[in-house]
PDB file of N, CA and C in Angstrom:
ATOM      1  N   MET A   1       9.481   5.469  11.381  1.00  0.00           N
ATOM      2  CA  MET A   1       9.665   4.919   9.965  1.00  0.00           C
ATOM      3  C   MET A   1       8.367   4.929   9.484  1.00  0.00           C
ATOM      4  N   SER A   2       8.485   5.098   8.026  1.00  0.00           N
ATOM      5  CA  SER A   2       7.322   5.270   7.214  1.00  0.00           C
ATOM      6  C   SER A   2       7.047   4.131   6.292  1.00  0.00           C
ATOM      7  N   TYR A   3       5.878   3.634   6.124  1.00  0.00           N
ATOM      8  CA  TYR A   3       5.557   2.477   4.956  1.00  0.00           C
ATOM      9  C   TYR A   3       4.855   2.894   4.124  1.00  0.00           C
ATOM     10  N   ALA A   4       5.012   2.168   2.800  1.00  0.00           N
ATOM     11  CA  ALA A   4       4.130   2.257   1.816  1.00  0.00           C
ATOM     12  C   ALA A   4       3.679   0.878   0.976  1.00  0.00           C
ATOM     13  N   ILE A   5       2.498   0.848   0.389  1.00  0.00           N
ATOM     14  CA  ILE A   5       2.379  -0.351  -0.324  1.00  0.00           C
ATOM     15  C   ILE A   5       1.950  -0.037  -1.665  1.00  0.00           C
ATOM     16  N   ILE A   6       2.641  -0.321  -2.712  1.00  0.00           N
ATOM     17  CA  ILE A   6       2.648  -0.109  -4.055  1.00  0.00           C
ATOM     18  C   ILE A   6       1.831  -1.022  -4.911  1.00  0.00           C
ATOM     19  N   SER A   7       0.623  -0.647  -5.089  1.00  0.00           N
ATOM     20  CA  SER A   7      -0.264  -1.805  -5.494  1.00  0.00           C
ATOM     21  C   SER A   7      -1.691  -2.166  -4.760  1.00  0.00           C
ATOM     22  N   PHE A   8      -2.629  -1.851  -5.225  1.00  0.00           N
ATOM     23  CA  PHE A   8      -3.584  -1.863  -4.156  1.00  0.00           C
ATOM     24  C   PHE A   8      -4.919  -3.036  -4.602  1.00  0.00           C
ATOM     25  N   GLY A   9      -3.913  -4.140  -5.030  1.00  0.00           N
ATOM     26  CA  GLY A   9      -5.184  -5.427  -5.200  1.00  0.00           C
ATOM     27  C   GLY A   9      -5.428  -6.090  -4.060  1.00  0.00           C
ATOM     28  N   ASN A  10      -5.876  -7.672  -4.203  1.00  0.00           N
ATOM     29  CA  ASN A  10      -5.662  -8.416  -3.340  1.00  0.00           C
ATOM     30  C   ASN A  10      -4.668  -8.445  -2.217  1.00  0.00           C
ATOM     31  N   ILE A  11      -3.348  -8.412  -2.708  1.00  0.00           N
ATOM     32  CA  ILE A  11      -2.210  -8.454  -2.159  1.00  0.00           C
ATOM     33  C   ILE A  11      -1.962  -7.387  -1.176  1.00  0.00           C
ATOM     34  N   GLY A  12      -2.047  -6.229  -1.821  1.00  0.00           N
ATOM     35  CA  GLY A  12      -1.959  -4.771  -1.106  1.00  0.00           C
ATOM     36  C   GLY A  12      -2.822  -4.641  -0.303  1.00  0.00           C
ATOM     37  N   GLN A  13      -3.993  -5.009  -0.668  1.00  0.00           N
ATOM     38  CA  GLN A  13      -5.254  -4.640   0.608  1.00  0.00           C
ATOM     39  C   GLN A  13      -4.721  -5.881   1.775  1.00  0.00           C
ATOM     40  N   ALA A  14      -4.534  -6.837   1.656  1.00  0.00           N
ATOM     41  CA  ALA A  14      -4.058  -7.737   2.554  1.00  0.00           C
ATOM     42  C   ALA A  14      -3.005  -7.478   3.446  1.00  0.00           C
ATOM     43  N   LEU A  15      -1.953  -6.744   2.753  1.00  0.00           N
ATOM     44  CA  LEU A  15      -0.855  -6.068   3.716  1.00  0.00           C
ATOM     45  C   LEU A  15      -1.424  -5.001   4.316  1.00  0.00           C
ATOM     46  N   ALA A  16      -2.390  -4.128   3.590  1.00  0.00           N
ATOM     47  CA  ALA A  16      -2.898  -2.922   4.772  1.00  0.00           C
ATOM     48  C   ALA A  16      -3.890  -3.340   5.617  1.00  0.00           C
ATOM     49  N   ARG A  17      -4.385  -4.447   5.799  1.00  0.00           N
ATOM     50  CA  ARG A  17      -5.175  -4.824   6.625  1.00  0.00           C
ATOM     51  C   ARG A  17      -4.256  -5.328   7.996  1.00  0.00           C
ATOM     52  N   ALA A  18      -3.095  -6.164   7.745  1.00  0.00           N
ATOM     53  CA  ALA A  18      -2.036  -6.322   8.613  1.00  0.00           C
ATOM     54  C   ALA A  18      -1.649  -5.113   9.432  1.00  0.00           C
ATOM     55  N   PHE A  19      -1.253  -4.080   8.446  1.00  0.00           N
ATOM     56  CA  PHE A  19      -0.795  -3.013   9.114  1.00  0.00           C
ATOM     57  C   PHE A  19      -1.973  -2.343   9.929  1.00  0.00           C
ATOM     58  N   ALA A  20      -3.182  -2.281   9.518  1.00  0.00           N
ATOM     59  CA  ALA A  20      -4.105  -1.391  10.273  1.00  0.00           C
ATOM     60  C   ALA A  20      -4.446  -2.180  11.695  1.00  0.00           C
ATOM     61  N   ARG A  21      -4.437  -3.758  11.428  1.00  0.00           N
ATOM     62  CA  ARG A  21      -4.860  -4.395  12.610  1.00  0.00           C
ATOM     63  C   ARG A  21      -3.661  -4.174  13.888  1.00  0.00           C
ATOM     64  N   LYS A  22      -2.405  -3.654  13.457  1.00  0.00           N
ATOM     65  CA  LYS A  22      -1.493  -3.294  14.523  1.00  0.00           C
ATOM     66  C   LYS A  22      -1.372  -1.842  14.788  1.00  0.00           C
ATOM     67  N   ASP A  23      -2.496  -0.878  14.152  1.00  0.00           N
ATOM     68  CA  ASP A  23      -2.441   0.219  14.368  1.00  0.00           C
ATOM     69  C   ASP A  23      -1.406   1.199  13.977  1.00  0.00           C
ATOM     70  N   ILE A  24      -0.666   0.611  12.634  1.00  0.00           N
ATOM     71  CA  ILE A  24       0.528   1.304  11.901  1.00  0.00           C
ATOM     72  C   ILE A  24      -0.080   1.931  10.600  1.00  0.00           C
ATOM     73  N   GLU A  25       0.499   3.271  10.764  1.00  0.00           N
ATOM     74  CA  GLU A  25       0.083   3.937   9.514  1.00  0.00           C
ATOM     75  C   GLU A  25       0.859   3.697   8.261  1.00  0.00           C
ATOM     76  N   VAL A  26       0.174   3.485   7.035  1.00  0.00           N
ATOM     77  CA  VAL A  26       0.524   2.980   5.884  1.00  0.00           C
ATOM     78  C   VAL A  26       0.143   3.828   4.561  1.00  0.00           C
ATOM     79  N   SER A  27       0.970   4.120   3.867  1.00  0.00           N
ATOM     80  CA  SER A  27       0.405   4.970   2.660  1.00  0.00           C
ATOM     81  C   SER A  27       0.216   3.618   1.444  1.00  0.00           C
ATOM     82  N   VAL A  28      -0.698   3.846   0.692  1.00  0.00           N
ATOM     83  CA  VAL A  28      -0.999   3.046  -0.322  1.00  0.00           C
ATOM     84  C   VAL A  28      -1.431   3.666  -1.577  1.00  0.00           C
ATOM     85  N   ALA A  29      -0.668   3.300  -2.614  1.00  0.00           N
ATOM     86  CA  ALA A  29      -0.691   3.891  -4.022  1.00  0.00           C
ATOM     87  C   ALA A  29      -0.768   2.814  -5.197  1.00  0.00           C
ATOM     88  N   THR A  30      -1.421   3.236  -5.918  1.00  0.00           N
ATOM     89  CA  THR A  30      -1.622   2.609  -7.509  1.00  0.00           C
ATOM     90  C   THR A  30      -1.596   3.441  -8.288  1.00  0.00           C
ATOM     91  N   LYS A  31      -1.434   3.005  -9.651  1.00  0.00           N
ATOM     92  CA  LYS A  31      -1.424   4.070 -10.963  1.00  0.00           C
ATOM     93  C   LYS A  31      -2.502   4.996 -11.242  1.00  0.00           C
ATOM     94  N   PRO A  32      -3.525   4.463 -11.121  1.00  0.00           N
ATOM     95  CA  PRO A  32      -4.607   5.614 -11.127  1.00  0.00           C
ATOM     96  C   PRO A  32      -4.568   6.406  -9.887  1.00  0.00           C
ATOM     97  N   ASP A  33      -5.156   7.626 -10.108  1.00  0.00           N
ATOM     98  CA  ASP A  33      -5.069   8.586  -8.618  1.00  0.00           C
ATOM     99  C   ASP A  33      -5.581   7.978  -7.328  1.00  0.00           C
ATOM    100  N   PRO A  34      -5.174   8.461  -6.339  1.00  0.00           N
ATOM    101  CA  PRO A  34      -5.405   8.077  -5.145  1.00  0.00           C
ATOM    102  C   PRO A  34      -7.005   8.185  -4.690  1.00  0.00           C
ATOM    103  N   GLU A  35      -7.836   8.999  -5.271  1.00  0.00           N
ATOM    104  CA  GLU A  35      -9.285   8.749  -5.034  1.00  0.00           C
ATOM    105  C   GLU A  35      -9.835   7.464  -5.815  1.00  0.00           C
ATOM    106  N   SER A  36      -9.148   6.978  -6.327  1.00  0.00           N
ATOM    107  CA  SER A  36      -9.670   5.473  -7.167  1.00  0.00           C
ATOM    108  C   SER A  36      -9.677   4.525  -5.953  1.00  0.00           C
ATOM    109  N   ILE A  37      -8.840   4.507  -5.059  1.00  0.00           N
ATOM    110  CA  ILE A  37      -8.806   3.640  -3.868  1.00  0.00           C
ATOM    111  C   ILE A  37      -9.147   4.045  -2.491  1.00  0.00           C
ATOM    112  N   ALA A  38      -9.805   5.428  -2.354  1.00  0.00           N
ATOM    113  CA  ALA A  38      -9.756   6.006  -1.168  1.00  0.00           C
ATOM    114  C   ALA A  38     -10.912   5.161  -0.413  1.00  0.00           C
ATOM    115  N   SER A  39     -11.867   4.828  -0.897  1.00  0.00           N
ATOM    116  CA  SER A  39     -13.113   4.114  -0.461  1.00  0.00           C
ATOM    117  C   SER A  39     -12.452   2.752   0.392  1.00  0.00           C
ATOM    118  N   ALA A  40     -12.006   2.099  -0.560  1.00  0.00           N
ATOM    119  CA  ALA A  40     -11.296   0.457  -0.257  1.00  0.00           C
ATOM    120  C   ALA A  40     -10.624   0.918   0.919  1.00  0.00           C
ATOM    121  N   ALA A  41      -9.606   2.017   0.947  1.00  0.00           N
ATOM    122  CA  ALA A  41      -8.589   2.296   2.037  1.00  0.00           C
ATOM    123  C   ALA A  41      -9.035   2.631   3.299  1.00  0.00           C
ATOM    124  N   ALA A  42     -10.524   3.478   3.331  1.00  0.00           N
ATOM    125  CA  ALA A  42     -10.859   3.932   4.399  1.00  0.00           C
ATOM    126  C   ALA A  42     -11.638   2.703   4.815  1.00  0.00           C
ATOM    127  N   ALA A  43     -12.424   1.741   4.122  1.00  0.00           N
ATOM    128  CA  ALA A  43     -12.983   0.396   4.906  1.00  0.00           C
ATOM    129  C   ALA A  43     -12.071  -0.413   5.214  1.00  0.00           C
ATOM    130  N   ILE A  44     -10.778  -0.373   5.122  1.00  0.00           N
ATOM    131  CA  ILE A  44      -9.651  -1.189   5.918  1.00  0.00           C
ATOM    132  C   ILE A  44      -9.470  -0.586   7.405  1.00  0.00           C
ATOM    133  N   GLY A  45      -8.999   0.962   7.358  1.00  0.00           N
ATOM    134  CA  GLY A  45      -9.071   1.328   8.439  1.00  0.00           C
ATOM    135  C   GLY A  45      -8.585   2.858   8.134  1.00  0.00           C
ATOM    136  N   ALA A  46      -8.331   3.598   9.300  1.00  0.00           N
ATOM    137  CA  ALA A  46      -8.063   4.964   9.406  1.00  0.00           C
ATOM    138  C   ALA A  46      -6.646   5.060   9.229  1.00  0.00           C
ATOM    139  N   THR A  47      -5.837   4.267   9.196  1.00  0.00           N
ATOM    140  CA  THR A  47      -4.403   4.287   9.349  1.00  0.00           C
ATOM    141  C   THR A  47      -3.835   3.976   7.894  1.00  0.00           C
ATOM    142  N   VAL A  48      -4.868   3.504   7.106  1.00  0.00           N
ATOM    143  CA  VAL A  48      -4.318   3.293   5.658  1.00  0.00           C
ATOM    144  C   VAL A  48      -4.651   4.333   4.869  1.00  0.00           C
ATOM    145  N   ILE A  49      -3.754   5.168   4.439  1.00  0.00           N
ATOM    146  CA  ILE A  49      -3.779   6.413   3.591  1.00  0.00           C
ATOM    147  C   ILE A  49      -3.256   6.278   2.171  1.00  0.00           C
ATOM    148  N   PRO A  50      -4.286   6.795   1.245  1.00  0.00           N
ATOM    149  CA  PRO A  50      -4.227   6.611  -0.064  1.00  0.00           C
ATOM    150  C   PRO A  50      -3.321   7.795  -0.456  1.00  0.00           C
ATOM    151  N   LYS A  51      -2.116   7.657  -1.305  1.00  0.00           N
ATOM    152  CA  LYS A  51      -1.366   8.717  -1.761  1.00  0.00           C
ATOM    153  C   LYS A  51      -0.926   8.614  -3.400  1.00  0.00           C
ATOM    154  N   ARG A  52      -0.597   9.802  -3.717  1.00  0.00           N
ATOM    155  CA  ARG A  52      -0.262   9.465  -5.140  1.00  0.00           C
ATOM    156  C   ARG A  52       1.043   8.730  -5.378  1.00  0.00           C
ATOM    157  N   LEU A  53       1.302   8.039  -6.313  1.00  0.00           N
ATOM    158  CA  LEU A  53       2.616   7.112  -6.410  1.00  0.00           C
ATOM    159  C   LEU A  53       3.528   7.755  -6.135  1.00  0.00           C
ATOM    160  N   GLU A  54       3.930   9.147  -6.629  1.00  0.00           N
ATOM    161  CA  GLU A  54       5.328   9.794  -6.485  1.00  0.00           C
ATOM    162  C   GLU A  54       5.577  10.120  -4.945  1.00  0.00           C
ATOM    163  N   ASP A  55       4.311  10.227  -4.352  1.00  0.00           N
ATOM    164  CA  ASP A  55       4.717  10.644  -2.970  1.00  0.00           C
ATOM    165  C   ASP A  55       4.820   9.304  -2.079  1.00  0.00           C
ATOM    166  N   ALA A  56       3.974   8.312  -2.288  1.00  0.00           N
ATOM    167  CA  ALA A  56       4.414   7.170  -1.744  1.00  0.00           C
ATOM    168  C   ALA A  56       5.722   6.408  -1.694  1.00  0.00           C
ATOM    169  N   VAL A  57       6.349   6.625  -2.739  1.00  0.00           N
ATOM    170  CA  VAL A  57       7.409   6.019  -2.902  1.00  0.00           C
ATOM    171  C   VAL A  57       8.811   6.621  -2.089  1.00  0.00           C
ATOM    172  N   LYS A  58       8.148   7.718  -1.343  1.00  0.00           N
ATOM    173  CA  LYS A  58       9.408   8.532  -0.350  1.00  0.00           C
ATOM    174  C   LYS A  58       9.401   7.696   1.005  1.00  0.00           C
ATOM    175  N   ALA A  59       8.363   7.014   1.278  1.00  0.00           N
ATOM    176  CA  ALA A  59       8.523   6.003   2.435  1.00  0.00           C
ATOM    177  C   ALA A  59       9.993   5.238   2.619  1.00  0.00           C
ATOM    178  N   ASP A  60      10.075   5.312   4.022  1.00  0.00           N
ATOM    179  CA  ASP A  60      11.130   4.488   4.326  1.00  0.00           C
ATOM    180  C   ASP A  60      11.344   2.988   3.614  1.00  0.00           C
ATOM    181  N   THR A  61      10.274   2.640   4.153  1.00  0.00           N
ATOM    182  CA  THR A  61      10.052   0.833   3.543  1.00  0.00           C
ATOM    183  C   THR A  61       9.024   1.065   2.557  1.00  0.00           C
ATOM    184  N   ILE A  62       9.070   0.181   1.466  1.00  0.00           N
ATOM    185  CA  ILE A  62       7.976   0.205   0.264  1.00  0.00           C
ATOM    186  C   ILE A  62       8.098  -1.294   0.162  1.00  0.00           C
ATOM    187  N   PHE A  63       6.559  -1.674   0.023  1.00  0.00           N
ATOM    188  CA  PHE A  63       6.255  -3.114  -0.326  1.00  0.00           C
ATOM    189  C   PHE A  63       5.707  -2.998  -1.786  1.00  0.00           C
ATOM    190  N   LEU A  64       6.234  -3.713  -2.559  1.00  0.00           N
ATOM    191  CA  LEU A  64       5.889  -3.560  -4.065  1.00  0.00           C
ATOM    192  C   LEU A  64       4.855  -4.980  -4.022  1.00  0.00           C
ATOM    193  N   ALA A  65       3.577  -4.784  -4.087  1.00  0.00           N
ATOM    194  CA  ALA A  65       2.680  -6.204  -4.170  1.00  0.00           C
ATOM    195  C   ALA A  65       2.057  -6.362  -5.374  1.00  0.00           C
ATOM    196  N   ASP A  66       2.688  -7.065  -6.208  1.00  0.00           N
ATOM    197  CA  ASP A  66       2.325  -7.193  -7.715  1.00  0.00           C
ATOM    198  C   ASP A  66       2.011  -8.946  -8.062  1.00  0.00           C
ATOM    199  N   ILE A  67       0.868  -9.093  -8.724  1.00  0.00           N
ATOM    200  CA  ILE A  67       0.794 -10.284  -9.249  1.00  0.00           C
ATOM    201  C   ILE A  67       0.761 -10.393 -10.668  1.00  0.00           C
ATOM    202  N   SER A  68       1.711 -10.940 -11.286  1.00  0.00           N
ATOM    203  CA  SER A  68       1.920 -10.854 -12.717  1.00  0.00           C
ATOM    204  C   SER A  68       2.494 -12.169 -13.555  1.00  0.00           C
ATOM    205  N   ARG A  69       1.956 -12.722 -14.543  1.00  0.00           N
ATOM    206  CA  ARG A  69       2.496 -13.891 -14.884  1.00  0.00           C
ATOM    207  C   ARG A  69       2.122 -15.042 -14.063  1.00  0.00           C
ATOM    208  N   ASN A  70       1.101 -15.237 -13.005  1.00  0.00           N
ATOM    209  CA  ASN A  70       0.991 -16.097 -12.236  1.00  0.00           C
ATOM    210  C   ASN A  70       1.942 -16.438 -11.016  1.00  0.00           C
ATOM    211  N   GLU A  71       2.589 -15.262 -11.149  1.00  0.00           N
ATOM    212  CA  GLU A  71       3.693 -15.029  -9.761  1.00  0.00           C
ATOM    213  C   GLU A  71       3.411 -13.893  -8.930  1.00  0.00           C
ATOM    214  N   MET A  72       3.982 -14.207  -7.718  1.00  0.00           N
ATOM    215  CA  MET A  72       3.297 -13.099  -6.690  1.00  0.00           C
ATOM    216  C   MET A  72       4.844 -12.593  -6.290  1.00  0.00           C
ATOM    217  N   LYS A  73       5.084 -11.169  -6.292  1.00  0.00           N
ATOM    218  CA  LYS A  73       6.222 -10.928  -5.776  1.00  0.00           C
ATOM    219  C   LYS A  73       5.956  -9.688  -4.881  1.00  0.00           C
ATOM    220  N   ILE A  74       6.722  -9.788  -3.884  1.00  0.00           N
ATOM    221  CA  ILE A  74       6.737  -8.864  -2.721  1.00  0.00           C
ATOM    222  C   ILE A  74       7.976  -8.303  -2.685  1.00  0.00           C
ATOM    223  N   VAL A  75       8.280  -6.910  -2.849  1.00  0.00           N
ATOM    224  CA  VAL A  75       9.876  -6.498  -2.780  1.00  0.00           C
ATOM    225  C   VAL A  75       9.531  -5.441  -1.502  1.00  0.00           C
ATOM    226  N   VAL A  76      10.693  -5.487  -0.699  1.00  0.00           N
ATOM    227  CA  VAL A  76      10.617  -4.728   0.488  1.00  0.00           C
ATOM    228  C   VAL A  76      11.810  -3.966   0.334  1.00  0.00           C
ATOM    229  N   THR A  77      11.850  -2.634   0.474  1.00  0.00           N
ATOM    230  CA  THR A  77      13.258  -1.918   0.350  1.00  0.00           C
ATOM    231  C   THR A  77      13.100  -0.895   1.168  1.00  0.00           C
ATOM    232  N   ALA A  78      14.308  -0.686   1.766  1.00  0.00           N
ATOM    233  CA  ALA A  78      14.591   0.251   3.051  1.00  0.00           C
ATOM    234  C   ALA A  78      15.398   1.541   2.721  1.00  0.00           C
ATOM    235  N   ALA A  79      14.985   2.488   2.791  1.00  0.00           N
ATOM    236  CA  ALA A  79      15.692   3.835   2.564  1.00  0.00           C
ATOM    237  C   ALA A  79      16.967   4.089   3.535  1.00  0.00           C
TER     238      ALA A  79
END
């Protein structure tokens, strides 16, 4: 099973920390290139892997962590 978190703001990073605590590999992606979030991902843990958006969405399970219009949305999809 592969996992990805799309959006790497506060919510995305909190989800990534939860995966890292359990030593589960998770891809993280945001609209800018993966290098823009590489240092934040590395600070969370070695199992948090920055990827390009088009690669991250190939995961079996995708978490879309987005805060917009004062609403938090987390969408989980399974392939």
